[in-house]
Amino acid sequence: MARYKHIDTSPRFLAVNLQRQLLPGTFEHALNHLLDHGLDLTGFDARFSNDETGAAAYPPTMLLKVILFAYSQNV
């Protein structure tokens, strides 16, 4: 089983809450919901071999969200 870093979407030291920023009906909300609940991305887990050794990796779903959002914004 791949080991991933924990991504805290509601940090305690910043005044930004990600869940409040993703307003229903926006592309960002739809992308977040689709990648969290709609797509099966477990195929990425087989590519990681950091179960016992190595550093924890960033979750592929979070990286895919960043890439797809940047692509949608022409970045």
PDB file of N, CA and C in Angstrom:
ATOM      1  N   MET A   1       0.849  -1.188   0.000  1.00  0.00           N
ATOM      2  CA  MET A   1       0.000   0.000   0.000  1.00  0.00           C
ATOM      3  C   MET A   1       0.882   1.235   0.000  1.00  0.00           C
ATOM      4  N   ALA A   2       0.600   2.142  -0.869  1.00  0.00           N
ATOM      5  CA  ALA A   2       1.386   3.368  -0.971  1.00  0.00           C
ATOM      6  C   ALA A   2       1.143   4.254   0.241  1.00  0.00           C
ATOM      7  N   ARG A   3       2.167   4.959   0.634  1.00  0.00           N
ATOM      8  CA  ARG A   3       2.080   5.870   1.774  1.00  0.00           C
ATOM      9  C   ARG A   3       2.082   7.300   1.241  1.00  0.00           C
ATOM     10  N   TYR A   4       1.040   8.065   1.597  1.00  0.00           N
ATOM     11  CA  TYR A   4       0.906   9.434   1.116  1.00  0.00           C
ATOM     12  C   TYR A   4       0.960  10.424   2.269  1.00  0.00           C
ATOM     13  N   LYS A   5       1.370  11.639   1.945  1.00  0.00           N
ATOM     14  CA  LYS A   5       1.362  12.718   2.918  1.00  0.00           C
ATOM     15  C   LYS A   5      -0.074  13.105   3.221  1.00  0.00           C
ATOM     16  N   HIS A   6      -0.310  13.498   4.456  1.00  0.00           N
ATOM     17  CA  HIS A   6      -1.637  13.976   4.830  1.00  0.00           C
ATOM     18  C   HIS A   6      -1.789  15.414   4.357  1.00  0.00           C
ATOM     19  N   ILE A   7      -2.862  15.679   3.622  1.00  0.00           N
ATOM     20  CA  ILE A   7      -3.148  17.026   3.135  1.00  0.00           C
ATOM     21  C   ILE A   7      -4.279  17.591   3.979  1.00  0.00           C
ATOM     22  N   ASP A   8      -3.971  18.606   4.776  1.00  0.00           N
ATOM     23  CA  ASP A   8      -4.964  19.233   5.641  1.00  0.00           C
ATOM     24  C   ASP A   8      -5.650  20.344   4.869  1.00  0.00           C
ATOM     25  N   THR A   9      -6.932  20.141   4.511  1.00  0.00           N
ATOM     26  CA  THR A   9      -7.653  21.136   3.723  1.00  0.00           C
ATOM     27  C   THR A   9      -8.271  22.231   4.582  1.00  0.00           C
ATOM     28  N   SER A  10      -8.147  22.120   5.880  1.00  0.00           N
ATOM     29  CA  SER A  10      -8.627  23.197   6.750  1.00  0.00           C
ATOM     30  C   SER A  10      -7.543  23.506   7.786  1.00  0.00           C
ATOM     31  N   PRO A  11      -6.465  24.157   7.349  1.00  0.00           N
ATOM     32  CA  PRO A  11      -5.354  24.436   8.257  1.00  0.00           C
ATOM     33  C   PRO A  11      -5.764  25.356   9.397  1.00  0.00           C
ATOM     34  N   ARG A  12      -5.108  25.181  10.513  1.00  0.00           N
ATOM     35  CA  ARG A  12      -5.445  25.940  11.713  1.00  0.00           C
ATOM     36  C   ARG A  12      -4.726  27.285  11.793  1.00  0.00           C
ATOM     37  N   PHE A  13      -3.636  27.441  11.063  1.00  0.00           N
ATOM     38  CA  PHE A  13      -2.837  28.657  11.187  1.00  0.00           C
ATOM     39  C   PHE A  13      -3.091  29.664  10.067  1.00  0.00           C
ATOM     40  N   LEU A  14      -3.888  29.285   9.080  1.00  0.00           N
ATOM     41  CA  LEU A  14      -4.235  30.201   8.002  1.00  0.00           C
ATOM     42  C   LEU A  14      -5.725  30.500   8.069  1.00  0.00           C
ATOM     43  N   ALA A  15      -6.087  31.658   7.623  1.00  0.00           N
ATOM     44  CA  ALA A  15      -7.498  32.040   7.662  1.00  0.00           C
ATOM     45  C   ALA A  15      -8.263  31.521   6.445  1.00  0.00           C
ATOM     46  N   VAL A  16      -7.661  30.623   5.675  1.00  0.00           N
ATOM     47  CA  VAL A  16      -8.284  30.100   4.461  1.00  0.00           C
ATOM     48  C   VAL A  16      -8.758  28.678   4.720  1.00  0.00           C
ATOM     49  N   ASN A  17     -10.038  28.447   4.463  1.00  0.00           N
ATOM     50  CA  ASN A  17     -10.611  27.113   4.578  1.00  0.00           C
ATOM     51  C   ASN A  17     -10.984  26.667   3.169  1.00  0.00           C
ATOM     52  N   LEU A  18     -10.349  25.610   2.674  1.00  0.00           N
ATOM     53  CA  LEU A  18     -10.549  25.177   1.300  1.00  0.00           C
ATOM     54  C   LEU A  18     -12.001  24.813   1.021  1.00  0.00           C
ATOM     55  N   GLN A  19     -12.661  24.171   1.952  1.00  0.00           N
ATOM     56  CA  GLN A  19     -14.048  23.778   1.731  1.00  0.00           C
ATOM     57  C   GLN A  19     -14.976  24.986   1.573  1.00  0.00           C
ATOM     58  N   ARG A  20     -14.649  26.097   2.208  1.00  0.00           N
ATOM     59  CA  ARG A  20     -15.449  27.316   2.053  1.00  0.00           C
ATOM     60  C   ARG A  20     -15.141  28.021   0.733  1.00  0.00           C
ATOM     61  N   GLN A  21     -13.949  27.818   0.206  1.00  0.00           N
ATOM     62  CA  GLN A  21     -13.556  28.464  -1.040  1.00  0.00           C
ATOM     63  C   GLN A  21     -14.162  27.769  -2.255  1.00  0.00           C
ATOM     64  N   LEU A  22     -14.445  26.471  -2.143  1.00  0.00           N
ATOM     65  CA  LEU A  22     -15.016  25.714  -3.253  1.00  0.00           C
ATOM     66  C   LEU A  22     -16.535  25.836  -3.221  1.00  0.00           C
ATOM     67  N   LEU A  23     -17.039  26.834  -3.882  1.00  0.00           N
ATOM     68  CA  LEU A  23     -18.475  27.111  -3.870  1.00  0.00           C
ATOM     69  C   LEU A  23     -19.208  26.143  -4.797  1.00  0.00           C
ATOM     70  N   PRO A  24     -20.340  25.590  -4.340  1.00  0.00           N
ATOM     71  CA  PRO A  24     -21.120  24.693  -5.197  1.00  0.00           C
ATOM     72  C   PRO A  24     -21.532  25.394  -6.491  1.00  0.00           C
ATOM     73  N   GLY A  25     -21.464  24.653  -7.587  1.00  0.00           N
ATOM     74  CA  GLY A  25     -21.813  25.198  -8.883  1.00  0.00           C
ATOM     75  C   GLY A  25     -20.634  25.736  -9.668  1.00  0.00           C
ATOM     76  N   THR A  26     -19.445  25.757  -9.067  1.00  0.00           N
ATOM     77  CA  THR A  26     -18.265  26.242  -9.772  1.00  0.00           C
ATOM     78  C   THR A  26     -17.481  25.063 -10.329  1.00  0.00           C
ATOM     79  N   PHE A  27     -16.602  25.355 -11.280  1.00  0.00           N
ATOM     80  CA  PHE A  27     -15.764  24.314 -11.863  1.00  0.00           C
ATOM     81  C   PHE A  27     -14.858  23.687 -10.809  1.00  0.00           C
ATOM     82  N   GLU A  28     -14.328  24.508  -9.920  1.00  0.00           N
ATOM     83  CA  GLU A  28     -13.415  24.008  -8.888  1.00  0.00           C
ATOM     84  C   GLU A  28     -14.117  23.003  -7.980  1.00  0.00           C
ATOM     85  N   HIS A  29     -15.350  23.298  -7.613  1.00  0.00           N
ATOM     86  CA  HIS A  29     -16.114  22.389  -6.755  1.00  0.00           C
ATOM     87  C   HIS A  29     -16.389  21.080  -7.488  1.00  0.00           C
ATOM     88  N   ALA A  30     -16.785  21.172  -8.758  1.00  0.00           N
ATOM     89  CA  ALA A  30     -17.066  19.977  -9.549  1.00  0.00           C
ATOM     90  C   ALA A  30     -15.812  19.124  -9.725  1.00  0.00           C
ATOM     91  N   LEU A  31     -14.683  19.754  -9.998  1.00  0.00           N
ATOM     92  CA  LEU A  31     -13.425  19.027 -10.162  1.00  0.00           C
ATOM     93  C   LEU A  31     -13.025  18.332  -8.868  1.00  0.00           C
ATOM     94  N   ASN A  32     -13.138  19.033  -7.757  1.00  0.00           N
ATOM     95  CA  ASN A  32     -12.804  18.465  -6.453  1.00  0.00           C
ATOM     96  C   ASN A  32     -13.701  17.265  -6.135  1.00  0.00           C
ATOM     97  N   HIS A  33     -14.987  17.418  -6.361  1.00  0.00           N
ATOM     98  CA  HIS A  33     -15.934  16.337  -6.068  1.00  0.00           C
ATOM     99  C   HIS A  33     -15.718  15.148  -7.008  1.00  0.00           C
ATOM    100  N   LEU A  34     -15.489  15.412  -8.276  1.00  0.00           N
ATOM    101  CA  LEU A  34     -15.290  14.336  -9.242  1.00  0.00           C
ATOM    102  C   LEU A  34     -14.056  13.510  -8.919  1.00  0.00           C
ATOM    103  N   LEU A  35     -12.954  14.173  -8.599  1.00  0.00           N
ATOM    104  CA  LEU A  35     -11.733  13.433  -8.317  1.00  0.00           C
ATOM    105  C   LEU A  35     -11.771  12.739  -6.962  1.00  0.00           C
ATOM    106  N   ASP A  36     -12.536  13.271  -6.022  1.00  0.00           N
ATOM    107  CA  ASP A  36     -12.637  12.625  -4.710  1.00  0.00           C
ATOM    108  C   ASP A  36     -13.633  11.475  -4.703  1.00  0.00           C
ATOM    109  N   HIS A  37     -14.730  11.598  -5.455  1.00  0.00           N
ATOM    110  CA  HIS A  37     -15.808  10.621  -5.344  1.00  0.00           C
ATOM    111  C   HIS A  37     -16.157   9.905  -6.641  1.00  0.00           C
ATOM    112  N   GLY A  38     -15.836  10.479  -7.794  1.00  0.00           N
ATOM    113  CA  GLY A  38     -16.326   9.935  -9.046  1.00  0.00           C
ATOM    114  C   GLY A  38     -15.368   9.035  -9.807  1.00  0.00           C
ATOM    115  N   LEU A  39     -14.090   9.257  -9.673  1.00  0.00           N
ATOM    116  CA  LEU A  39     -13.111   8.497 -10.436  1.00  0.00           C
ATOM    117  C   LEU A  39     -12.350   7.524  -9.547  1.00  0.00           C
ATOM    118  N   ASP A  40     -12.050   6.371 -10.110  1.00  0.00           N
ATOM    119  CA  ASP A  40     -11.249   5.372  -9.399  1.00  0.00           C
ATOM    120  C   ASP A  40      -9.785   5.581  -9.776  1.00  0.00           C
ATOM    121  N   LEU A  41      -9.019   6.156  -8.879  1.00  0.00           N
ATOM    122  CA  LEU A  41      -7.611   6.452  -9.139  1.00  0.00           C
ATOM    123  C   LEU A  41      -6.681   5.507  -8.386  1.00  0.00           C
ATOM    124  N   THR A  42      -7.183   4.337  -8.002  1.00  0.00           N
ATOM    125  CA  THR A  42      -6.352   3.388  -7.256  1.00  0.00           C
ATOM    126  C   THR A  42      -5.251   2.796  -8.115  1.00  0.00           C
ATOM    127  N   GLY A  43      -5.341   2.935  -9.426  1.00  0.00           N
ATOM    128  CA  GLY A  43      -4.282   2.456 -10.304  1.00  0.00           C
ATOM    129  C   GLY A  43      -2.956   3.151 -10.057  1.00  0.00           C
ATOM    130  N   PHE A  44      -3.012   4.369  -9.539  1.00  0.00           N
ATOM    131  CA  PHE A  44      -1.777   5.088  -9.219  1.00  0.00           C
ATOM    132  C   PHE A  44      -1.045   4.450  -8.038  1.00  0.00           C
ATOM    133  N   ASP A  45      -1.785   3.812  -7.134  1.00  0.00           N
ATOM    134  CA  ASP A  45      -1.169   3.219  -5.950  1.00  0.00           C
ATOM    135  C   ASP A  45      -0.159   2.138  -6.297  1.00  0.00           C
ATOM    136  N   ALA A  46      -0.387   1.414  -7.374  1.00  0.00           N
ATOM    137  CA  ALA A  46       0.518   0.338  -7.763  1.00  0.00           C
ATOM    138  C   ALA A  46       1.879   0.873  -8.202  1.00  0.00           C
ATOM    139  N   ARG A  47       1.942   2.115  -8.617  1.00  0.00           N
ATOM    140  CA  ARG A  47       3.199   2.702  -9.086  1.00  0.00           C
ATOM    141  C   ARG A  47       4.127   3.120  -7.946  1.00  0.00           C
ATOM    142  N   PHE A  48       3.587   3.228  -6.731  1.00  0.00           N
ATOM    143  CA  PHE A  48       4.389   3.658  -5.594  1.00  0.00           C
ATOM    144  C   PHE A  48       4.877   2.445  -4.813  1.00  0.00           C
ATOM    145  N   SER A  49       6.134   2.466  -4.430  1.00  0.00           N
ATOM    146  CA  SER A  49       6.676   1.378  -3.612  1.00  0.00           C
ATOM    147  C   SER A  49       7.340   1.962  -2.373  1.00  0.00           C
ATOM    148  N   ASN A  50       6.620   2.804  -1.684  1.00  0.00           N
ATOM    149  CA  ASN A  50       7.156   3.433  -0.482  1.00  0.00           C
ATOM    150  C   ASN A  50       6.433   2.934   0.766  1.00  0.00           C
ATOM    151  N   ASP A  51       5.989   1.678   0.735  1.00  0.00           N
ATOM    152  CA  ASP A  51       5.259   1.111   1.875  1.00  0.00           C
ATOM    153  C   ASP A  51       6.099   1.143   3.143  1.00  0.00           C
ATOM    154  N   GLU A  52       7.287   0.603   3.044  1.00  0.00           N
ATOM    155  CA  GLU A  52       8.123   0.444   4.234  1.00  0.00           C
ATOM    156  C   GLU A  52       9.303   1.399   4.251  1.00  0.00           C
ATOM    157  N   THR A  53       9.797   1.758   3.084  1.00  0.00           N
ATOM    158  CA  THR A  53      10.946   2.660   3.025  1.00  0.00           C
ATOM    159  C   THR A  53      10.612   3.826   2.106  1.00  0.00           C
ATOM    160  N   GLY A  54      11.350   4.865   2.250  1.00  0.00           N
ATOM    161  CA  GLY A  54      11.142   6.035   1.404  1.00  0.00           C
ATOM    162  C   GLY A  54      10.207   7.036   2.036  1.00  0.00           C
ATOM    163  N   ALA A  55      10.249   8.219   1.509  1.00  0.00           N
ATOM    164  CA  ALA A  55       9.423   9.300   2.031  1.00  0.00           C
ATOM    165  C   ALA A  55       7.986   9.161   1.545  1.00  0.00           C
ATOM    166  N   ALA A  56       7.073   9.726   2.303  1.00  0.00           N
ATOM    167  CA  ALA A  56       5.666   9.726   1.891  1.00  0.00           C
ATOM    168  C   ALA A  56       5.505  10.620   0.664  1.00  0.00           C
ATOM    169  N   ALA A  57       4.649  10.203  -0.237  1.00  0.00           N
ATOM    170  CA  ALA A  57       4.428  10.944  -1.482  1.00  0.00           C
ATOM    171  C   ALA A  57       3.173  11.796  -1.373  1.00  0.00           C
ATOM    172  N   TYR A  58       3.078  12.789  -2.242  1.00  0.00           N
ATOM    173  CA  TYR A  58       1.841  13.558  -2.321  1.00  0.00           C
ATOM    174  C   TYR A  58       0.773  12.684  -2.970  1.00  0.00           C
ATOM    175  N   PRO A  59      -0.463  12.764  -2.505  1.00  0.00           N
ATOM    176  CA  PRO A  59      -1.526  11.940  -3.094  1.00  0.00           C
ATOM    177  C   PRO A  59      -1.747  12.291  -4.571  1.00  0.00           C
ATOM    178  N   PRO A  60      -1.861  11.286  -5.429  1.00  0.00           N
ATOM    179  CA  PRO A  60      -2.070  11.560  -6.854  1.00  0.00           C
ATOM    180  C   PRO A  60      -3.337  12.365  -7.128  1.00  0.00           C
ATOM    181  N   THR A  61      -4.373  12.198  -6.313  1.00  0.00           N
ATOM    182  CA  THR A  61      -5.596  12.959  -6.546  1.00  0.00           C
ATOM    183  C   THR A  61      -5.350  14.456  -6.350  1.00  0.00           C
ATOM    184  N   MET A  62      -4.562  14.821  -5.352  1.00  0.00           N
ATOM    185  CA  MET A  62      -4.281  16.233  -5.103  1.00  0.00           C
ATOM    186  C   MET A  62      -3.439  16.811  -6.246  1.00  0.00           C
ATOM    187  N   LEU A  63      -2.456  16.060  -6.712  1.00  0.00           N
ATOM    188  CA  LEU A  63      -1.628  16.536  -7.813  1.00  0.00           C
ATOM    189  C   LEU A  63      -2.446  16.653  -9.100  1.00  0.00           C
ATOM    190  N   LEU A  64      -3.351  15.705  -9.332  1.00  0.00           N
ATOM    191  CA  LEU A  64      -4.198  15.755 -10.515  1.00  0.00           C
ATOM    192  C   LEU A  64      -5.152  16.943 -10.464  1.00  0.00           C
ATOM    193  N   LYS A  65      -5.638  17.277  -9.272  1.00  0.00           N
ATOM    194  CA  LYS A  65      -6.495  18.450  -9.113  1.00  0.00           C
ATOM    195  C   LYS A  65      -5.737  19.716  -9.501  1.00  0.00           C
ATOM    196  N   VAL A  66      -4.505  19.819  -9.056  1.00  0.00           N
ATOM    197  CA  VAL A  66      -3.696  21.007  -9.360  1.00  0.00           C
ATOM    198  C   VAL A  66      -3.438  21.098 -10.859  1.00  0.00           C
ATOM    199  N   ILE A  67      -3.081  19.979 -11.480  1.00  0.00           N
ATOM    200  CA  ILE A  67      -2.771  19.983 -12.914  1.00  0.00           C
ATOM    201  C   ILE A  67      -4.009  20.332 -13.738  1.00  0.00           C
ATOM    202  N   LEU A  68      -5.140  19.702 -13.447  1.00  0.00           N
ATOM    203  CA  LEU A  68      -6.353  19.960 -14.225  1.00  0.00           C
ATOM    204  C   LEU A  68      -6.872  21.379 -14.013  1.00  0.00           C
ATOM    205  N   PHE A  69      -6.779  21.888 -12.794  1.00  0.00           N
ATOM    206  CA  PHE A  69      -7.221  23.265 -12.555  1.00  0.00           C
ATOM    207  C   PHE A  69      -6.314  24.245 -13.280  1.00  0.00           C
ATOM    208  N   ALA A  70      -5.002  24.038 -13.214  1.00  0.00           N
ATOM    209  CA  ALA A  70      -4.065  24.925 -13.918  1.00  0.00           C
ATOM    210  C   ALA A  70      -4.316  24.878 -15.418  1.00  0.00           C
ATOM    211  N   TYR A  71      -4.588  23.686 -15.943  1.00  0.00           N
ATOM    212  CA  TYR A  71      -4.877  23.553 -17.376  1.00  0.00           C
ATOM    213  C   TYR A  71      -6.154  24.311 -17.730  1.00  0.00           C
ATOM    214  N   SER A  72      -7.151  24.260 -16.875  1.00  0.00           N
ATOM    215  CA  SER A  72      -8.413  24.962 -17.148  1.00  0.00           C
ATOM    216  C   SER A  72      -8.247  26.471 -17.119  1.00  0.00           C
ATOM    217  N   GLN A  73      -7.234  26.947 -16.413  1.00  0.00           N
ATOM    218  CA  GLN A  73      -6.969  28.387 -16.310  1.00  0.00           C
ATOM    219  C   GLN A  73      -5.900  28.853 -17.297  1.00  0.00           C
ATOM    220  N   ASN A  74      -5.507  27.973 -18.220  1.00  0.00           N
ATOM    221  CA  ASN A  74      -4.465  28.272 -19.221  1.00  0.00           C
ATOM    222  C   ASN A  74      -3.126  28.623 -18.585  1.00  0.00           C
ATOM    223  N   VAL A  75      -2.815  27.953 -17.493  1.00  0.00           N
ATOM    224  CA  VAL A  75      -1.523  28.164 -16.831  1.00  0.00           C
ATOM    225  C   VAL A  75      -0.549  27.120 -17.332  1.00  0.00           C
TER     226      VAL A  75
END
